[in-house]
Amino acid sequence: MDEGLRVTDRLTVPAVELRERFSRSSGPGGQGVNTTDSRVELSFDLAGSPSVPETLRERALARLAGRLVGGVLTVTASEHRAQLANREAARERMAALLREAVAPPPKPRRPTRPSRGAKERRLAEKKRQSQRKRDRRVDGD
């Protein structure tokens, strides 16, 4: 776990910028749950990181604004019984969050209009449905 966190091909967060905290997990674990620190909190100071390029940092800060506390992104993992598995899960979750946050915005949608055939099919289906409902009437209209 000494290597950095690989987010994309071009972006890797150095291990020295990641901070891990361990505490007791509330999940399964039998007798060991009260003695083992298997819960992992992984933190990364996104706002103050020199390894993230400025453009990507601004994009990530804007997209993750609701998750950041003082510019720091924190991810917690406690679903596994082993600390090592929780460390891996937290790293994967952090990488996925950062990958999504620094991804380029999608291309703007080009507005299109329905084709003539699509309009005709829609109107024909409306007529069929109307006739079907008319045929079901009891009063003889």
Protein backbone atom coordinates (compact mmCIF):
# COMPACT_ATOMS: atom_id res chain seq x y z
CA MET A 1 0.00 0.00 0.00
CA ASP A 2 3.05 2.24 -0.28
CA GLU A 3 2.33 3.15 -3.91
CA GLY A 4 0.09 6.03 -4.84
CA LEU A 5 -3.58 5.90 -5.69
CA ARG A 6 -4.02 5.53 -9.44
CA VAL A 7 -7.06 7.56 -10.49
CA THR A 8 -6.59 7.82 -14.27
CA ASP A 9 -3.74 7.16 -16.69
CA ARG A 10 -2.48 10.71 -16.14
CA LEU A 11 -3.43 11.26 -12.50
CA THR A 12 -1.93 9.38 -9.57
CA VAL A 13 -2.25 10.63 -6.01
CA PRO A 14 1.01 10.02 -4.10
CA ALA A 15 0.73 7.85 -0.99
CA VAL A 16 2.13 10.68 1.19
CA GLU A 17 -0.98 12.79 0.42
CA LEU A 18 -3.37 10.08 1.63
CA ARG A 19 -4.18 9.78 5.31
CA GLU A 20 -5.60 6.60 6.80
CA ARG A 21 -7.35 6.30 10.15
CA PHE A 22 -8.44 3.05 11.73
CA SER A 23 -11.19 2.44 14.25
CA ARG A 24 -13.43 -0.34 15.46
CA SER A 25 -16.02 -1.48 12.98
CA SER A 26 -19.65 -2.05 13.88
CA GLY A 27 -20.16 -4.89 11.41
CA PRO A 28 -19.66 -8.65 11.63
CA GLY A 29 -16.56 -10.07 13.25
CA GLY A 30 -17.59 -12.16 16.23
CA GLN A 31 -15.46 -11.74 19.34
CA GLY A 32 -12.76 -9.92 17.40
CA VAL A 33 -15.03 -7.01 16.51
CA ASN A 34 -14.41 -5.39 19.89
CA THR A 35 -10.64 -5.60 19.69
CA THR A 36 -9.70 -5.11 16.03
CA ASP A 37 -9.50 -1.75 14.32
CA SER A 38 -10.86 -2.90 10.95
CA ARG A 39 -12.80 0.22 9.90
CA VAL A 40 -10.80 2.46 7.57
CA GLU A 41 -11.18 6.19 6.92
CA LEU A 42 -9.17 7.36 3.93
CA SER A 43 -8.73 11.15 3.57
CA PHE A 44 -7.27 13.23 0.78
CA ASP A 45 -6.78 17.00 0.87
CA LEU A 46 -8.05 17.79 -2.60
CA ALA A 47 -7.96 21.57 -2.22
CA GLY A 48 -4.33 21.65 -1.07
CA SER A 49 -2.89 18.85 -3.20
CA PRO A 50 0.07 19.82 -5.39
CA SER A 51 -0.22 16.58 -7.41
CA VAL A 52 -3.60 17.43 -8.98
CA PRO A 53 -3.41 19.86 -11.93
CA GLU A 54 -5.26 23.15 -11.38
CA THR A 55 -7.93 22.52 -14.06
CA LEU A 56 -8.75 19.07 -12.70
CA ARG A 57 -8.72 20.37 -9.12
CA GLU A 58 -11.26 23.11 -9.92
CA ARG A 59 -13.52 20.61 -11.71
CA ALA A 60 -13.28 18.08 -8.87
CA LEU A 61 -13.87 20.71 -6.16
CA ALA A 62 -17.00 21.91 -7.96
CA ARG A 63 -18.38 18.40 -8.48
CA LEU A 64 -17.55 17.11 -4.99
CA ALA A 65 -18.56 20.29 -3.14
CA GLY A 66 -21.22 18.46 -1.13
CA ARG A 67 -18.81 15.76 0.04
CA LEU A 68 -15.85 17.91 0.99
CA VAL A 69 -15.18 19.18 4.50
CA GLY A 70 -12.63 21.95 4.40
CA GLY A 71 -11.39 20.79 0.99
CA VAL A 72 -10.74 17.26 2.30
CA LEU A 73 -12.43 14.23 0.74
CA THR A 74 -13.00 11.34 3.16
CA VAL A 75 -14.11 7.82 2.31
CA THR A 76 -15.01 5.16 4.88
CA ALA A 77 -15.01 1.37 4.48
CA SER A 78 -16.12 -1.10 7.11
CA GLU A 79 -17.94 -3.80 5.15
CA HIS A 80 -15.17 -6.41 5.47
CA ARG A 81 -13.91 -8.15 8.58
CA ALA A 82 -10.26 -7.66 7.69
CA GLN A 83 -8.56 -4.28 7.85
CA LEU A 84 -6.59 -4.99 4.68
CA ALA A 85 -9.76 -5.67 2.70
CA ASN A 86 -11.32 -2.46 4.04
CA ARG A 87 -8.19 -0.52 3.07
CA GLU A 88 -8.49 -1.83 -0.49
CA ALA A 89 -12.21 -1.04 -0.59
CA ALA A 90 -11.60 2.52 0.63
CA ARG A 91 -8.85 3.07 -1.95
CA GLU A 92 -11.06 1.75 -4.76
CA ARG A 93 -13.96 3.96 -3.63
CA MET A 94 -11.70 7.02 -3.42
CA ALA A 95 -10.27 6.36 -6.89
CA ALA A 96 -13.75 5.91 -8.37
CA LEU A 97 -14.99 9.16 -6.79
CA LEU A 98 -11.98 11.13 -8.03
CA ARG A 99 -12.16 9.51 -11.49
CA GLU A 100 -15.79 10.59 -11.84
CA ALA A 101 -15.05 14.07 -10.49
CA VAL A 102 -12.17 14.84 -12.88
CA ALA A 103 -13.82 13.33 -15.97
CA PRO A 104 -14.40 15.84 -18.76
CA PRO A 105 -17.96 17.14 -19.03
CA PRO A 106 -20.15 15.29 -21.55
CA LYS A 107 -20.62 16.76 -25.00
CA PRO A 108 -23.64 19.05 -25.22
CA ARG A 109 -26.68 17.39 -26.75
CA ARG A 110 -27.48 18.44 -30.28
CA PRO A 111 -31.20 19.13 -30.45
CA THR A 112 -33.00 16.96 -32.98
CA ARG A 113 -36.55 16.77 -34.30
CA PRO A 114 -38.66 13.66 -34.75
CA SER A 115 -38.68 12.33 -38.30
CA ARG A 116 -41.78 12.44 -40.47
CA GLY A 117 -42.23 8.69 -40.14
CA ALA A 118 -42.00 8.88 -36.34
CA LYS A 119 -44.70 11.57 -36.28
CA GLU A 120 -46.94 9.49 -38.54
CA ARG A 121 -46.45 6.36 -36.41
CA ARG A 122 -47.26 8.30 -33.24
CA LEU A 123 -50.45 9.75 -34.72
CA ALA A 124 -51.50 6.38 -36.14
CA GLU A 125 -51.03 4.76 -32.72
CA LYS A 126 -53.08 7.54 -31.12
CA LYS A 127 -55.87 6.91 -33.63
CA ARG A 128 -55.76 3.14 -32.95
CA GLN A 129 -55.94 3.73 -29.21
CA SER A 130 -58.79 6.20 -29.64
CA GLN A 131 -60.73 3.70 -31.80
CA ARG A 132 -60.08 0.92 -29.27
CA LYS A 133 -61.51 3.03 -26.44
CA ARG A 134 -64.45 4.13 -28.60
CA ASP A 135 -65.25 0.47 -29.32
CA ARG A 136 -65.37 -0.28 -25.59
CA ARG A 137 -68.06 2.31 -24.87
CA VAL A 138 -71.47 0.99 -23.82
CA ASP A 139 -73.68 4.01 -24.46
CA GLY A 140 -73.47 3.62 -28.26
CA ASP A 141 -71.68 6.85 -29.26
